[in-house]
Amino acid sequence: MRNRGSGCHGREQRRSHASAVNVAILSCAFPVQAGHVSGYIDGMTKMFRFARRSGALLTAAFLAIGMVYAGQAQAGQFSVVDEKAPQEISEVSRLYVDGELAATFILNSDTTQKSETIHTPAGRVEHTYALCGEIVIRTPEGRTETHNVSSAGVLHNPDGHVFQALGAENFTDFYLIDPTDPDVAQHRPGRAEACTVATS
């Protein structure tokens, strides 16, 4: 049934259900200000809705930025495999990439092979490396010898490659190589500076 009403009560029927009671009371008490009160409530409602939408947008934006920076921090990766040779008794090797320690390999009779995944930052396709090793071997005469070997080199776009840590020249040279693509890694024989600093 529709209640036509008049005066204060008539105006109440035209208000929304959410603000009817408050506006009715204020309208009767302050009839001249009733319209202003209704406008104030509507304005506050719109403000809160806008703030809520803005907060959601800001949250989404910060999440997107965080994902971008996370992707840039670690954008690529490659693997290095180190395996104990038959004449080796033990080995402790360190791999530095771009001047930072990236992996340590400890091999012995219990652990004859180890693989490490190296993460690289975005925006770089050339990476310097240094490979430092302390290798204990058994000679054909049965003696044990300790060889400190190292080398430095450059990796060209190594992402996705699998490198072998290879000892050569009777364990006097030590470097990385991808047997399927030898040109990806270049090395310079001789004592690497990073290895000298690390053991000094």
C-alpha atoms as a PDB file:
ATOM      1  CA  MET A   1       0.000   0.000   0.000  1.00  0.00           C
ATOM      2  CA  ARG A   2       1.397   3.387  -0.926  1.00  0.00           C
ATOM      3  CA  ASN A   3       1.420   6.037   1.800  1.00  0.00           C
ATOM      4  CA  ARG A   4       1.158   9.433   0.177  1.00  0.00           C
ATOM      5  CA  GLY A   5       1.874  11.444   3.366  1.00  0.00           C
ATOM      6  CA  SER A   6       2.704  15.129   3.526  1.00  0.00           C
ATOM      7  CA  GLY A   7       5.244  17.516   5.066  1.00  0.00           C
ATOM      8  CA  CYS A   8       8.195  15.813   6.715  1.00  0.00           C
ATOM      9  CA  HIS A   9       6.694  12.350   6.355  1.00  0.00           C
ATOM     10  CA  GLY A  10       6.045  12.870   2.664  1.00  0.00           C
ATOM     11  CA  ARG A  11       9.650  13.781   2.007  1.00  0.00           C
ATOM     12  CA  GLU A  12      10.822  10.657   3.812  1.00  0.00           C
ATOM     13  CA  GLN A  13       9.254   8.403   1.158  1.00  0.00           C
ATOM     14  CA  ARG A  14      11.547   9.859  -1.483  1.00  0.00           C
ATOM     15  CA  ARG A  15      14.753   9.000   0.368  1.00  0.00           C
ATOM     16  CA  SER A  16      16.739   5.817  -0.223  1.00  0.00           C
ATOM     17  CA  HIS A  17      16.165   3.061   2.288  1.00  0.00           C
ATOM     18  CA  ALA A  18      19.812   3.206   3.509  1.00  0.00           C
ATOM     19  CA  SER A  19      19.646   6.857   4.685  1.00  0.00           C
ATOM     20  CA  ALA A  20      15.907   7.254   5.340  1.00  0.00           C
ATOM     21  CA  VAL A  21      15.966   7.199   9.120  1.00  0.00           C
ATOM     22  CA  ASN A  22      18.901   9.587   9.544  1.00  0.00           C
ATOM     23  CA  VAL A  23      17.654  12.052   6.959  1.00  0.00           C
ATOM     24  CA  ALA A  24      14.106  11.961   8.360  1.00  0.00           C
ATOM     25  CA  ILE A  25      15.249  12.850  11.855  1.00  0.00           C
ATOM     26  CA  LEU A  26      17.533  15.616  10.651  1.00  0.00           C
ATOM     27  CA  SER A  27      14.896  16.899   8.214  1.00  0.00           C
ATOM     28  CA  CYS A  28      12.291  17.298  10.903  1.00  0.00           C
ATOM     29  CA  ALA A  29      14.702  18.906  13.336  1.00  0.00           C
ATOM     30  CA  PHE A  30      16.380  21.117  10.729  1.00  0.00           C
ATOM     31  CA  PRO A  31      14.049  21.326   7.696  1.00  0.00           C
ATOM     32  CA  VAL A  32      16.148  23.906   5.879  1.00  0.00           C
ATOM     33  CA  GLN A  33      19.317  21.730   6.055  1.00  0.00           C
ATOM     34  CA  ALA A  34      17.765  18.396   5.061  1.00  0.00           C
ATOM     35  CA  GLY A  35      18.936  18.557   1.458  1.00  0.00           C
ATOM     36  CA  HIS A  36      22.471  19.392   2.543  1.00  0.00           C
ATOM     37  CA  VAL A  37      22.566  16.397   4.911  1.00  0.00           C
ATOM     38  CA  SER A  38      21.437  14.045   2.171  1.00  0.00           C
ATOM     39  CA  GLY A  39      24.064  15.441  -0.191  1.00  0.00           C
ATOM     40  CA  TYR A  40      26.743  15.082   2.461  1.00  0.00           C
ATOM     41  CA  ILE A  41      25.879  11.402   3.019  1.00  0.00           C
ATOM     42  CA  ASP A  42      25.841  10.718  -0.716  1.00  0.00           C
ATOM     43  CA  GLY A  43      29.192  12.474  -1.102  1.00  0.00           C
ATOM     44  CA  MET A  44      30.797  10.468   1.703  1.00  0.00           C
ATOM     45  CA  THR A  45      29.476   7.228   0.180  1.00  0.00           C
ATOM     46  CA  LYS A  46      31.013   8.094  -3.193  1.00  0.00           C
ATOM     47  CA  MET A  47      34.298   9.047  -1.497  1.00  0.00           C
ATOM     48  CA  PHE A  48      34.559   5.703   0.290  1.00  0.00           C
ATOM     49  CA  ARG A  49      33.771   3.820  -2.940  1.00  0.00           C
ATOM     50  CA  PHE A  50      36.448   5.768  -4.797  1.00  0.00           C
ATOM     51  CA  ALA A  51      39.005   5.123  -2.028  1.00  0.00           C
ATOM     52  CA  ARG A  52      38.235   1.418  -2.104  1.00  0.00           C
ATOM     53  CA  ARG A  53      38.643   1.229  -5.879  1.00  0.00           C
ATOM     54  CA  SER A  54      41.846   3.294  -5.717  1.00  0.00           C
ATOM     55  CA  GLY A  55      43.271   1.023  -3.029  1.00  0.00           C
ATOM     56  CA  ALA A  56      42.587  -2.044  -5.157  1.00  0.00           C
ATOM     57  CA  LEU A  57      44.266  -0.448  -8.172  1.00  0.00           C
ATOM     58  CA  LEU A  58      47.333   0.555  -6.128  1.00  0.00           C
ATOM     59  CA  THR A  59      47.649  -2.960  -4.718  1.00  0.00           C
ATOM     60  CA  ALA A  60      47.521  -4.456  -8.216  1.00  0.00           C
ATOM     61  CA  ALA A  61      50.097  -1.951  -9.444  1.00  0.00           C
ATOM     62  CA  PHE A  62      52.548  -2.736  -6.620  1.00  0.00           C
ATOM     63  CA  LEU A  63      52.161  -6.469  -7.238  1.00  0.00           C
ATOM     64  CA  ALA A  64      52.875  -5.987 -10.943  1.00  0.00           C
ATOM     65  CA  ILE A  65      55.981  -3.888 -10.191  1.00  0.00           C
ATOM     66  CA  GLY A  66      57.218  -6.505  -7.730  1.00  0.00           C
ATOM     67  CA  MET A  67      56.832  -9.249 -10.324  1.00  0.00           C
ATOM     68  CA  VAL A  68      58.764  -7.196 -12.886  1.00  0.00           C
ATOM     69  CA  TYR A  69      61.664  -6.559 -10.477  1.00  0.00           C
ATOM     70  CA  ALA A  70      61.688 -10.213  -9.421  1.00  0.00           C
ATOM     71  CA  GLY A  71      61.919 -11.226 -13.058  1.00  0.00           C
ATOM     72  CA  GLN A  72      64.732  -8.767 -13.670  1.00  0.00           C
ATOM     73  CA  ALA A  73      66.645  -9.931 -10.596  1.00  0.00           C
ATOM     74  CA  GLN A  74      66.885 -13.511 -11.828  1.00  0.00           C
ATOM     75  CA  ALA A  75      66.034 -13.647 -15.520  1.00  0.00           C
ATOM     76  CA  GLY A  76      68.233 -16.516 -16.762  1.00  0.00           C
ATOM     77  CA  GLN A  77      70.071 -19.595 -15.602  1.00  0.00           C
ATOM     78  CA  PHE A  78      72.569 -22.225 -16.620  1.00  0.00           C
ATOM     79  CA  SER A  79      73.950 -25.375 -15.036  1.00  0.00           C
ATOM     80  CA  VAL A  80      77.460 -26.495 -14.101  1.00  0.00           C
ATOM     81  CA  VAL A  81      78.335 -30.152 -13.518  1.00  0.00           C
ATOM     82  CA  ASP A  82      81.524 -31.205 -11.752  1.00  0.00           C
ATOM     83  CA  GLU A  83      82.528 -34.881 -11.709  1.00  0.00           C
ATOM     84  CA  LYS A  84      85.400 -36.572  -9.889  1.00  0.00           C
ATOM     85  CA  ALA A  85      87.998 -38.092 -12.196  1.00  0.00           C
ATOM     86  CA  PRO A  86      89.160 -41.695 -11.526  1.00  0.00           C
ATOM     87  CA  GLN A  87      92.586 -40.560 -10.277  1.00  0.00           C
ATOM     88  CA  GLU A  88      91.119 -37.895  -8.001  1.00  0.00           C
ATOM     89  CA  ILE A  89      90.889 -38.585  -4.278  1.00  0.00           C
ATOM     90  CA  SER A  90      89.017 -35.402  -3.421  1.00  0.00           C
ATOM     91  CA  GLU A  91      88.205 -31.968  -4.802  1.00  0.00           C
ATOM     92  CA  VAL A  92      86.979 -28.620  -3.481  1.00  0.00           C
ATOM     93  CA  SER A  93      86.123 -26.135  -6.206  1.00  0.00           C
ATOM     94  CA  ARG A  94      84.545 -22.683  -6.265  1.00  0.00           C
ATOM     95  CA  LEU A  95      82.835 -20.965  -9.166  1.00  0.00           C
ATOM     96  CA  TYR A  96      82.673 -17.167  -9.348  1.00  0.00           C
ATOM     97  CA  VAL A  97      80.341 -15.481 -11.846  1.00  0.00           C
ATOM     98  CA  ASP A  98      80.664 -11.745 -12.440  1.00  0.00           C
ATOM     99  CA  GLY A  99      82.940 -11.526  -9.403  1.00  0.00           C
ATOM    100  CA  GLU A 100      80.483 -13.201  -7.005  1.00  0.00           C
ATOM    101  CA  LEU A 101      80.711 -16.681  -5.515  1.00  0.00           C
ATOM    102  CA  ALA A 102      78.036 -18.671  -7.364  1.00  0.00           C
ATOM    103  CA  ALA A 103      78.659 -22.293  -6.328  1.00  0.00           C
ATOM    104  CA  THR A 104      80.939 -24.593  -4.339  1.00  0.00           C
ATOM    105  CA  PHE A 105      81.636 -28.191  -5.327  1.00  0.00           C
ATOM    106  CA  ILE A 106      82.930 -30.740  -2.817  1.00  0.00           C
ATOM    107  CA  LEU A 107      83.703 -34.143  -4.305  1.00  0.00           C
ATOM    108  CA  ASN A 108      85.058 -37.310  -2.710  1.00  0.00           C
ATOM    109  CA  SER A 109      84.432 -41.054  -2.689  1.00  0.00           C
ATOM    110  CA  ASP A 110      80.935 -40.497  -1.309  1.00  0.00           C
ATOM    111  CA  THR A 111      79.989 -37.667  -3.678  1.00  0.00           C
ATOM    112  CA  THR A 112      81.452 -38.234  -7.121  1.00  0.00           C
ATOM    113  CA  GLN A 113      79.328 -35.724  -9.015  1.00  0.00           C
ATOM    114  CA  LYS A 114      77.505 -32.495  -8.253  1.00  0.00           C
ATOM    115  CA  SER A 115      75.378 -30.152 -10.353  1.00  0.00           C
ATOM    116  CA  GLU A 116      74.554 -26.540  -9.557  1.00  0.00           C
ATOM    117  CA  THR A 117      72.093 -24.123 -11.184  1.00  0.00           C
ATOM    118  CA  ILE A 118      73.448 -20.599 -11.604  1.00  0.00           C
ATOM    119  CA  HIS A 119      71.010 -17.677 -11.884  1.00  0.00           C
ATOM    120  CA  THR A 120      71.900 -14.604 -13.921  1.00  0.00           C
ATOM    121  CA  PRO A 121      70.365 -11.094 -13.980  1.00  0.00           C
ATOM    122  CA  ALA A 122      68.327  -9.728 -16.868  1.00  0.00           C
ATOM    123  CA  GLY A 123      69.839  -7.572 -19.569  1.00  0.00           C
ATOM    124  CA  ARG A 124      73.251  -9.276 -19.714  1.00  0.00           C
ATOM    125  CA  VAL A 125      74.434 -11.861 -22.225  1.00  0.00           C
ATOM    126  CA  GLU A 126      78.147 -11.792 -21.359  1.00  0.00           C
ATOM    127  CA  HIS A 127      79.344 -13.068 -17.978  1.00  0.00           C
ATOM    128  CA  THR A 128      82.847 -13.400 -16.588  1.00  0.00           C
ATOM    129  CA  TYR A 129      83.737 -16.450 -14.558  1.00  0.00           C
ATOM    130  CA  ALA A 130      86.578 -17.843 -12.502  1.00  0.00           C
ATOM    131  CA  LEU A 131      86.947 -21.488 -11.555  1.00  0.00           C
ATOM    132  CA  CYS A 132      89.153 -22.309  -8.573  1.00  0.00           C
ATOM    133  CA  GLY A 133      89.994 -25.835  -7.503  1.00  0.00           C
ATOM    134  CA  GLU A 134      92.047 -27.714  -4.946  1.00  0.00           C
ATOM    135  CA  ILE A 135      92.381 -31.245  -6.246  1.00  0.00           C
ATOM    136  CA  VAL A 136      94.043 -34.169  -4.510  1.00  0.00           C
ATOM    137  CA  ILE A 137      95.089 -36.929  -6.900  1.00  0.00           C
ATOM    138  CA  ARG A 138      96.857 -40.277  -6.684  1.00  0.00           C
ATOM    139  CA  THR A 139      99.764 -40.669  -9.086  1.00  0.00           C
ATOM    140  CA  PRO A 140     100.477 -43.910 -10.974  1.00  0.00           C
ATOM    141  CA  GLU A 141     103.284 -44.526  -8.452  1.00  0.00           C
ATOM    142  CA  GLY A 142     100.769 -44.400  -5.599  1.00  0.00           C
ATOM    143  CA  ARG A 143     101.748 -40.999  -4.213  1.00  0.00           C
ATOM    144  CA  THR A 144      99.205 -38.279  -3.450  1.00  0.00           C
ATOM    145  CA  GLU A 145      99.527 -34.796  -4.876  1.00  0.00           C
ATOM    146  CA  THR A 146      97.553 -31.609  -4.264  1.00  0.00           C
ATOM    147  CA  HIS A 147      97.000 -29.344  -7.251  1.00  0.00           C
ATOM    148  CA  ASN A 148      95.714 -25.791  -6.925  1.00  0.00           C
ATOM    149  CA  VAL A 149      94.277 -24.996 -10.344  1.00  0.00           C
ATOM    150  CA  SER A 150      92.182 -22.190 -11.732  1.00  0.00           C
ATOM    151  CA  SER A 151      91.323 -20.192 -14.786  1.00  0.00           C
ATOM    152  CA  ALA A 152      89.201 -17.207 -15.776  1.00  0.00           C
ATOM    153  CA  GLY A 153      86.999 -16.788 -18.792  1.00  0.00           C
ATOM    154  CA  VAL A 154      83.873 -15.420 -20.409  1.00  0.00           C
ATOM    155  CA  LEU A 155      80.492 -17.044 -20.985  1.00  0.00           C
ATOM    156  CA  HIS A 156      78.606 -15.846 -24.055  1.00  0.00           C
ATOM    157  CA  ASN A 157      74.826 -15.953 -23.554  1.00  0.00           C
ATOM    158  CA  PRO A 158      75.030 -19.039 -21.299  1.00  0.00           C
ATOM    159  CA  ASP A 159      71.319 -19.231 -20.436  1.00  0.00           C
ATOM    160  CA  GLY A 160      70.023 -22.778 -20.806  1.00  0.00           C
ATOM    161  CA  HIS A 161      73.456 -24.344 -21.302  1.00  0.00           C
ATOM    162  CA  VAL A 162      74.985 -27.170 -19.284  1.00  0.00           C
ATOM    163  CA  PHE A 163      78.711 -26.705 -18.647  1.00  0.00           C
ATOM    164  CA  GLN A 164      81.246 -29.281 -17.503  1.00  0.00           C
ATOM    165  CA  ALA A 165      84.011 -28.306 -15.072  1.00  0.00           C
ATOM    166  CA  LEU A 166      86.929 -29.874 -16.866  1.00  0.00           C
ATOM    167  CA  GLY A 167      90.470 -30.495 -15.652  1.00  0.00           C
ATOM    168  CA  ALA A 168      93.204 -30.705 -18.272  1.00  0.00           C
ATOM    169  CA  GLU A 169      96.972 -30.759 -18.758  1.00  0.00           C
ATOM    170  CA  ASN A 170      97.510 -33.250 -15.928  1.00  0.00           C
ATOM    171  CA  PHE A 171      95.315 -31.192 -13.593  1.00  0.00           C
ATOM    172  CA  THR A 172      97.148 -27.935 -14.226  1.00  0.00           C
ATOM    173  CA  ASP A 173      94.223 -26.290 -16.043  1.00  0.00           C
ATOM    174  CA  PHE A 174      90.597 -26.081 -14.962  1.00  0.00           C
ATOM    175  CA  TYR A 175      87.769 -24.483 -16.951  1.00  0.00           C
ATOM    176  CA  LEU A 176      84.129 -24.634 -18.077  1.00  0.00           C
ATOM    177  CA  ILE A 177      83.014 -26.095 -21.379  1.00  0.00           C
ATOM    178  CA  ASP A 178      79.715 -27.030 -23.011  1.00  0.00           C
ATOM    179  CA  PRO A 179      80.620 -30.074 -25.161  1.00  0.00           C
ATOM    180  CA  THR A 180      77.625 -29.433 -27.429  1.00  0.00           C
ATOM    181  CA  ASP A 181      78.605 -25.791 -28.067  1.00  0.00           C
ATOM    182  CA  PRO A 182      82.283 -25.096 -27.212  1.00  0.00           C
ATOM    183  CA  ASP A 183      82.160 -21.493 -28.433  1.00  0.00           C
ATOM    184  CA  VAL A 184      79.825 -20.445 -25.615  1.00  0.00           C
ATOM    185  CA  ALA A 185      82.689 -20.487 -23.074  1.00  0.00           C
ATOM    186  CA  GLN A 186      86.179 -19.055 -23.497  1.00  0.00           C
ATOM    187  CA  HIS A 187      88.917 -19.291 -20.899  1.00  0.00           C
ATOM    188  CA  ARG A 188      92.421 -18.076 -20.236  1.00  0.00           C
ATOM    189  CA  PRO A 189      94.788 -20.577 -18.615  1.00  0.00           C
ATOM    190  CA  GLY A 190      96.597 -19.413 -15.519  1.00  0.00           C
ATOM    191  CA  ARG A 191      95.835 -18.300 -12.017  1.00  0.00           C
ATOM    192  CA  ALA A 192      92.549 -16.411 -11.801  1.00  0.00           C
ATOM    193  CA  GLU A 193      92.561 -13.225  -9.744  1.00  0.00           C
ATOM    194  CA  ALA A 194      89.386 -14.205  -7.878  1.00  0.00           C
ATOM    195  CA  CYS A 195      91.061 -17.426  -6.740  1.00  0.00           C
ATOM    196  CA  THR A 196      94.172 -15.570  -5.556  1.00  0.00           C
ATOM    197  CA  VAL A 197      92.096 -13.163  -3.463  1.00  0.00           C
ATOM    198  CA  ALA A 198      89.960 -15.944  -2.038  1.00  0.00           C
ATOM    199  CA  THR A 199      92.909 -17.997  -0.816  1.00  0.00           C
ATOM    200  CA  SER A 200      95.209 -15.164   0.316  1.00  0.00           C
END
